[in-house]
């Protein structure tokens, strides 16, 4: 059963009769939005989170969680991240036991030959929704819709916001939250907005991030000492790192089609800004599938610590993550 993501964005209740749903595609921010909305929708239930690797290591864990009913709590909601075709066999053996439980799976791009994608598209009990990357038009439309009650929302303001997000849905939501918190009188001032967005600071962080992902230890250490980390921007820093890592993942997935990295980068959707192309090409030479999965796990763990441990020094977590990513870029690993 195929769902359109733009319909689910407007009405998540459309999933009420769907026991299992697979979200796939390159739009990490949109998938994150769906997960957060579903966690809110099912907040009264027991919520469990797994990575596919955990399921594969113990093929009975999913079946056991579905079978073990609770007398005191509503049925479970299970989220499984980073799935691919490997989980299909285990999943098929468990699906008949699903009653009122709900299972949501998340993965990157699935081509039309994917057995997992084919199964979900043809299933009557399971649903699938493609999360395609936002483009400039959709980003501007989201800003217009979510900030339509604000005065001063001129085309110039919307263009500034769209350019600053780099077509990243995660960053878009971060910027909207900043604006809603800061401009409580609902009157946007462009000059104050540019200060709020910390455009210069963000540029400094992008330099640091790019040097780390390129494995340049000397420049990374120098930039770590010079870069100002703003406390309220920690999630932005993580999203910025994730965006680049997911770009590298896209390139890695496309290498089966051609070994010409320049062609791959030029064909990415949404397009890579011209000033970022050479940086991304150099980074792609350092990263393979194993390193990318390792890096995504590190950013995920860092985000969990930032959100769940209020007393911890969050800037130190970001700095430690940067150092670990630089080390991973230089490590030896096979695909």
Protein backbone atom coordinates (compact mmCIF):
# COMPACT_ATOMS: atom_id res chain seq x y z
CA UNK A 1 0.00 0.00 0.00
CA UNK A 2 1.57 3.28 -1.12
CA UNK A 3 1.10 6.51 0.83
CA UNK A 4 2.05 9.96 -0.44
CA UNK A 5 4.32 11.69 2.05
CA UNK A 6 2.76 15.12 1.45
CA UNK A 7 -0.63 13.70 2.44
CA UNK A 8 0.80 12.19 5.63
CA UNK A 9 2.41 15.53 6.44
CA UNK A 10 -1.04 17.11 6.45
CA UNK A 11 -2.82 14.21 8.14
CA UNK A 12 -0.85 11.59 10.05
CA UNK A 13 -4.18 10.03 11.08
CA UNK A 14 -4.36 8.54 7.56
CA UNK A 15 -2.13 5.78 8.95
CA UNK A 16 -4.62 4.64 11.59
CA UNK A 17 -5.50 1.40 9.79
CA UNK A 18 -1.93 0.58 8.78
CA UNK A 19 -0.11 -1.88 11.06
CA UNK A 20 3.34 -1.36 9.59
CA UNK A 21 4.79 1.51 7.59
CA UNK A 22 8.13 1.91 5.86
CA UNK A 23 9.53 5.41 5.31
CA UNK A 24 12.37 5.48 2.76
CA UNK A 25 14.32 8.09 0.86
CA UNK A 26 17.01 10.70 1.15
CA UNK A 27 15.05 13.33 3.09
CA UNK A 28 16.39 12.71 6.59
CA UNK A 29 14.61 15.74 8.03
CA UNK A 30 11.20 14.66 6.77
CA UNK A 31 11.69 11.14 8.14
CA UNK A 32 12.67 12.64 11.48
CA UNK A 33 9.50 14.77 11.44
CA UNK A 34 7.36 11.69 10.81
CA UNK A 35 9.04 9.84 13.66
CA UNK A 36 8.54 12.72 16.09
CA UNK A 37 4.89 13.15 15.05
CA UNK A 38 4.27 9.42 15.51
CA UNK A 39 5.94 9.44 18.92
CA UNK A 40 3.60 12.26 19.91
CA UNK A 41 0.57 10.48 18.46
CA UNK A 42 1.36 7.27 20.38
CA UNK A 43 2.85 8.87 23.52
CA UNK A 44 0.51 6.86 25.77
CA UNK A 45 1.97 3.58 24.47
CA UNK A 46 5.23 1.82 25.20
CA UNK A 47 7.69 2.99 22.53
CA UNK A 48 10.70 0.85 21.56
CA UNK A 49 13.59 1.84 19.30
CA UNK A 50 15.87 -0.58 17.42
CA UNK A 51 18.47 -0.53 14.68
CA UNK A 52 18.26 -3.27 12.07
CA UNK A 53 21.60 -4.70 13.23
CA UNK A 54 20.10 -5.40 16.66
CA UNK A 55 17.24 -7.33 15.02
CA UNK A 56 19.60 -9.31 12.78
CA UNK A 57 21.80 -10.33 15.72
CA UNK A 58 18.78 -11.79 17.50
CA UNK A 59 16.13 -12.74 14.99
CA UNK A 60 13.59 -13.50 17.73
CA UNK A 61 13.73 -10.08 19.41
CA UNK A 62 11.06 -8.56 17.16
CA UNK A 63 8.75 -11.57 17.45
CA UNK A 64 9.17 -11.61 21.23
CA UNK A 65 8.35 -7.92 21.59
CA UNK A 66 5.19 -8.39 19.52
CA UNK A 67 4.15 -11.54 21.43
CA UNK A 68 4.78 -10.21 24.94
CA UNK A 69 1.62 -8.27 25.71
CA UNK A 70 1.33 -5.93 28.69
CA UNK A 71 -1.67 -5.98 31.03
CA UNK A 72 -1.06 -2.44 32.22
CA UNK A 73 -0.12 -0.51 29.08
CA UNK A 74 -1.48 -0.02 25.60
CA UNK A 75 0.06 -1.97 22.72
CA UNK A 76 3.66 -1.26 21.75
CA UNK A 77 4.94 1.03 19.05
CA UNK A 78 8.23 -0.13 17.55
CA UNK A 79 10.63 2.01 15.50
CA UNK A 80 13.38 0.27 13.51
CA UNK A 81 16.06 2.42 11.85
CA UNK A 82 18.56 1.83 9.02
CA UNK A 83 16.70 -1.12 7.51
CA UNK A 84 17.29 -2.78 4.15
CA UNK A 85 16.35 -6.01 2.37
CA UNK A 86 18.09 -8.11 5.04
CA UNK A 87 15.26 -7.57 7.51
CA UNK A 88 12.50 -8.79 5.19
CA UNK A 89 12.66 -12.50 6.08
CA UNK A 90 12.57 -11.83 9.83
CA UNK A 91 9.80 -9.31 9.37
CA UNK A 92 7.64 -11.66 7.29
CA UNK A 93 7.83 -14.33 10.00
CA UNK A 94 6.53 -11.86 12.60
CA UNK A 95 3.84 -9.92 10.75
CA UNK A 96 1.04 -12.42 11.34
CA UNK A 97 1.44 -11.96 15.10
CA UNK A 98 0.87 -8.19 14.92
CA UNK A 99 -2.48 -7.22 16.41
CA UNK A 100 -2.79 -3.68 17.72
CA UNK A 101 0.94 -3.02 17.75
CA UNK A 102 2.35 -0.53 15.28
CA UNK A 103 5.75 -0.84 13.61
CA UNK A 104 7.54 1.92 11.69
CA UNK A 105 10.67 1.26 9.67
CA UNK A 106 13.09 3.89 8.34
CA UNK A 107 15.74 3.54 5.64
CA UNK A 108 17.64 5.40 2.95
CA UNK A 109 16.98 5.19 -0.78
CA UNK A 110 15.48 1.92 -2.07
CA UNK A 111 15.63 1.25 -5.79
CA UNK A 112 12.78 -0.41 -7.64
CA UNK A 113 14.52 -3.81 -7.47
CA UNK A 114 14.45 -3.81 -3.67
CA UNK A 115 12.57 -6.82 -2.28
CA UNK A 116 11.62 -4.81 0.81
CA UNK A 117 10.16 -1.99 -1.26
CA UNK A 118 8.26 -4.41 -3.52
CA UNK A 119 6.82 -6.29 -0.54
CA UNK A 120 5.52 -3.12 1.13
CA UNK A 121 4.12 -1.65 -2.08
CA UNK A 122 2.09 -4.80 -2.77
CA UNK A 123 1.04 -5.58 0.81
CA UNK A 124 -2.52 -4.88 2.00
CA UNK A 125 -1.50 -4.68 5.66
CA UNK A 126 1.73 -2.70 5.26
CA UNK A 127 2.31 0.79 3.93
CA UNK A 128 5.23 2.59 2.34
CA UNK A 129 5.97 6.29 1.89
CA UNK A 130 8.79 7.80 -0.15
CA UNK A 131 10.50 10.80 1.46
CA UNK A 132 12.04 12.63 -1.46
CA UNK A 133 14.48 15.49 -0.96
CA UNK A 134 13.00 18.97 -0.66
CA UNK A 135 13.74 21.50 -3.36
CA UNK A 136 13.93 25.29 -3.19
CA UNK A 137 10.21 25.64 -3.95
CA UNK A 138 9.06 23.26 -1.20
CA UNK A 139 11.45 24.80 1.35
CA UNK A 140 10.13 28.30 0.66
CA UNK A 141 6.55 27.03 0.79
CA UNK A 142 7.14 25.45 4.22
CA UNK A 143 8.59 28.71 5.56
CA UNK A 144 5.62 30.62 4.13
CA UNK A 145 3.06 28.23 5.65
CA UNK A 146 4.64 27.87 9.09
CA UNK A 147 5.40 31.58 9.50
CA UNK A 148 2.30 32.98 7.79
CA UNK A 149 1.13 34.66 11.01
CA UNK A 150 4.34 36.76 11.20
CA UNK A 151 4.60 40.31 9.88
CA UNK A 152 7.65 41.16 7.81
CA UNK A 153 7.72 37.78 6.06
CA UNK A 154 8.90 39.30 2.79
CA UNK A 155 10.31 37.41 -0.23
CA UNK A 156 13.76 38.65 0.86
CA UNK A 157 13.30 37.10 4.31
CA UNK A 158 12.10 33.81 2.82
CA UNK A 159 15.04 33.77 0.38
CA UNK A 160 17.48 34.39 3.26
CA UNK A 161 15.96 31.56 5.26
CA UNK A 162 15.92 29.14 2.31
CA UNK A 163 19.54 29.89 1.41
CA UNK A 164 20.66 29.47 5.02
CA UNK A 165 19.05 26.03 5.36
CA UNK A 166 20.81 24.57 2.31
CA UNK A 167 17.58 22.65 1.48
CA UNK A 168 17.92 20.73 4.76
CA UNK A 169 14.56 20.00 6.43
CA UNK A 170 16.24 19.48 9.83
CA UNK A 171 17.85 22.89 9.68
CA UNK A 172 14.62 24.43 8.40
CA UNK A 173 12.75 23.25 11.50
CA UNK A 174 15.56 24.50 13.72
CA UNK A 175 15.39 27.97 12.15
CA UNK A 176 11.59 28.11 12.44
CA UNK A 177 11.83 27.25 16.13
CA UNK A 178 14.39 30.04 16.62
CA UNK A 179 12.14 32.58 14.89
CA UNK A 180 9.04 31.56 16.84
CA UNK A 181 10.97 31.86 20.11
CA UNK A 182 12.81 35.09 19.35
CA UNK A 183 10.18 37.14 17.52
CA UNK A 184 7.44 36.74 20.09
CA UNK A 185 5.76 39.90 18.82
CA UNK A 186 5.46 38.04 15.47
CA UNK A 187 7.22 40.82 13.61
CA UNK A 188 10.34 39.69 11.72
CA UNK A 189 13.15 42.21 11.33
CA UNK A 190 15.64 41.16 8.61
CA UNK A 191 18.68 42.67 10.33
CA UNK A 192 17.87 40.93 13.62
CA UNK A 193 17.08 37.75 11.71
CA UNK A 194 20.56 37.60 10.19
CA UNK A 195 22.08 37.96 13.67
CA UNK A 196 19.74 35.29 15.00
CA UNK A 197 20.72 32.81 12.30
CA UNK A 198 24.40 33.25 13.16
CA UNK A 199 25.33 33.06 9.49
CA UNK A 200 29.02 33.89 10.11
CA UNK A 201 29.25 31.37 12.99
CA UNK A 202 27.53 28.75 10.85
CA UNK A 203 30.08 29.32 8.09
CA UNK A 204 32.88 28.78 10.62
CA UNK A 205 31.32 25.52 11.77
CA UNK A 206 30.91 24.32 8.17
CA UNK A 207 34.64 24.83 7.65
CA UNK A 208 35.38 22.81 10.78
CA UNK A 209 32.95 20.05 9.79
CA UNK A 210 34.40 19.81 6.28
CA UNK A 211 38.00 19.60 7.49
CA UNK A 212 37.05 16.86 9.97
CA UNK A 213 35.17 14.79 7.38
CA UNK A 214 38.13 15.20 5.06
CA UNK A 215 40.41 13.79 7.76
CA UNK A 216 42.58 16.91 7.95
CA UNK A 217 43.81 16.67 11.57
CA UNK A 218 45.92 19.85 11.63
CA UNK A 219 43.21 22.16 10.30
CA UNK A 220 40.54 20.42 12.38
CA UNK A 221 42.50 21.01 15.59
CA UNK A 222 43.17 24.64 14.65
CA UNK A 223 39.52 25.30 13.79
CA UNK A 224 38.33 23.56 16.96
CA UNK A 225 40.27 26.15 18.95
CA UNK A 226 38.97 29.07 16.88
CA UNK A 227 35.31 28.13 16.33
CA UNK A 228 32.68 29.59 18.67
CA UNK A 229 30.07 26.98 19.67
CA UNK A 230 26.70 28.52 20.50
CA UNK A 231 24.78 26.43 23.04
CA UNK A 232 21.42 26.77 21.32
CA UNK A 233 22.89 25.57 18.02
CA UNK A 234 23.91 22.06 19.11
CA UNK A 235 21.13 20.34 17.17
CA UNK A 236 21.95 22.46 14.12
CA UNK A 237 25.58 21.31 14.34
CA UNK A 238 24.45 17.68 14.42
CA UNK A 239 22.03 18.19 11.54
CA UNK A 240 24.75 19.88 9.49
CA UNK A 241 27.08 16.93 10.06
CA UNK A 242 24.32 14.42 9.26
CA UNK A 243 23.43 16.24 6.06
CA UNK A 244 26.98 15.89 4.73
CA UNK A 245 27.31 12.27 5.87
CA UNK A 246 24.04 11.40 4.15
CA UNK A 247 25.30 13.08 0.98
CA UNK A 248 28.38 10.86 1.18
CA UNK A 249 26.06 7.89 1.66
CA UNK A 250 24.14 8.83 -1.50
CA UNK A 251 27.40 8.94 -3.45
CA UNK A 252 28.44 5.56 -2.04
CA UNK A 253 25.10 4.02 -3.07
CA UNK A 254 25.48 5.38 -6.60
CA UNK A 255 29.04 4.10 -7.14
CA UNK A 256 27.67 0.94 -8.72
CA UNK A 257 26.55 3.06 -11.68
CA UNK A 258 29.84 4.84 -12.34
CA UNK A 259 33.21 5.32 -10.66
CA UNK A 260 33.39 8.96 -11.79
CA UNK A 261 32.80 10.85 -8.54
CA UNK A 262 32.44 14.21 -10.28
CA UNK A 263 29.56 12.89 -12.36
CA UNK A 264 27.91 11.37 -9.28
CA UNK A 265 28.15 14.62 -7.32
CA UNK A 266 26.85 16.63 -10.27
CA UNK A 267 23.81 14.34 -10.55
CA UNK A 268 22.81 14.43 -6.86
CA UNK A 269 19.31 15.65 -6.05
CA UNK A 270 18.88 18.30 -4.80
CA UNK A 271 21.90 19.78 -6.58
CA UNK A 272 25.06 20.45 -4.57
CA UNK A 273 25.97 24.13 -4.44
CA UNK A 274 28.94 24.77 -6.75
CA UNK A 275 31.21 25.96 -3.91
CA UNK A 276 30.61 22.67 -2.03
CA UNK A 277 31.25 20.27 -4.92
CA UNK A 278 35.04 20.06 -4.68
CA UNK A 279 34.85 19.58 -0.90
CA UNK A 280 32.31 16.76 -1.22
CA UNK A 281 34.36 15.05 -3.94
CA UNK A 282 37.46 15.05 -1.72
CA UNK A 283 35.49 13.75 1.25
CA UNK A 284 33.97 10.92 -0.78
CA UNK A 285 37.47 9.54 -1.38
CA UNK A 286 37.86 9.08 2.38
CA UNK A 287 34.52 7.48 3.17
CA UNK A 288 33.00 4.07 2.42
CA UNK A 289 29.80 2.35 3.56
CA UNK A 290 31.25 0.98 6.77
CA UNK A 291 32.69 4.33 7.84
CA UNK A 292 29.44 6.12 6.98
CA UNK A 293 27.33 3.76 9.10
CA UNK A 294 29.83 4.18 11.91
CA UNK A 295 29.58 7.97 11.66
CA UNK A 296 25.76 7.97 11.62
CA UNK A 297 25.77 5.82 14.77
CA UNK A 298 28.13 8.31 16.47
CA UNK A 299 25.92 11.31 15.59
CA UNK A 300 22.82 9.42 16.76
CA UNK A 301 24.43 8.57 20.10
CA UNK A 302 25.57 12.19 20.53
CA UNK A 303 22.07 13.50 19.86
CA UNK A 304 20.58 11.12 22.44
CA UNK A 305 23.08 12.34 25.06
CA UNK A 306 22.39 16.00 24.26
CA UNK A 307 18.64 15.53 24.59
CA UNK A 308 18.60 13.19 27.58
CA UNK A 309 21.41 14.55 29.80
CA UNK A 310 20.67 18.24 30.54
CA UNK A 311 23.66 18.68 32.87
CA UNK A 312 26.24 17.51 30.34
CA UNK A 313 28.44 20.06 28.52
CA UNK A 314 26.99 19.83 25.04
CA UNK A 315 29.75 21.77 23.28
CA UNK A 316 32.24 19.18 24.54
CA UNK A 317 30.09 16.41 23.04
CA UNK A 318 30.11 18.18 19.67
CA UNK A 319 33.87 18.71 19.83
CA UNK A 320 34.44 15.08 20.76
CA UNK A 321 32.22 14.01 17.86
CA UNK A 322 34.24 16.18 15.45
CA UNK A 323 37.49 14.57 16.66
CA UNK A 324 36.04 11.05 16.31
CA UNK A 325 34.77 11.76 12.79
CA UNK A 326 38.19 13.06 11.76
CA UNK A 327 39.76 9.85 13.12
CA UNK A 328 37.16 7.72 11.32
CA UNK A 329 37.85 9.50 8.03
CA UNK A 330 41.51 8.46 8.35
CA UNK A 331 40.85 4.93 9.59
CA UNK A 332 41.24 1.83 7.46
CA UNK A 333 38.07 -0.16 6.85
CA UNK A 334 36.62 -2.29 4.11
CA UNK A 335 33.10 -2.18 2.70
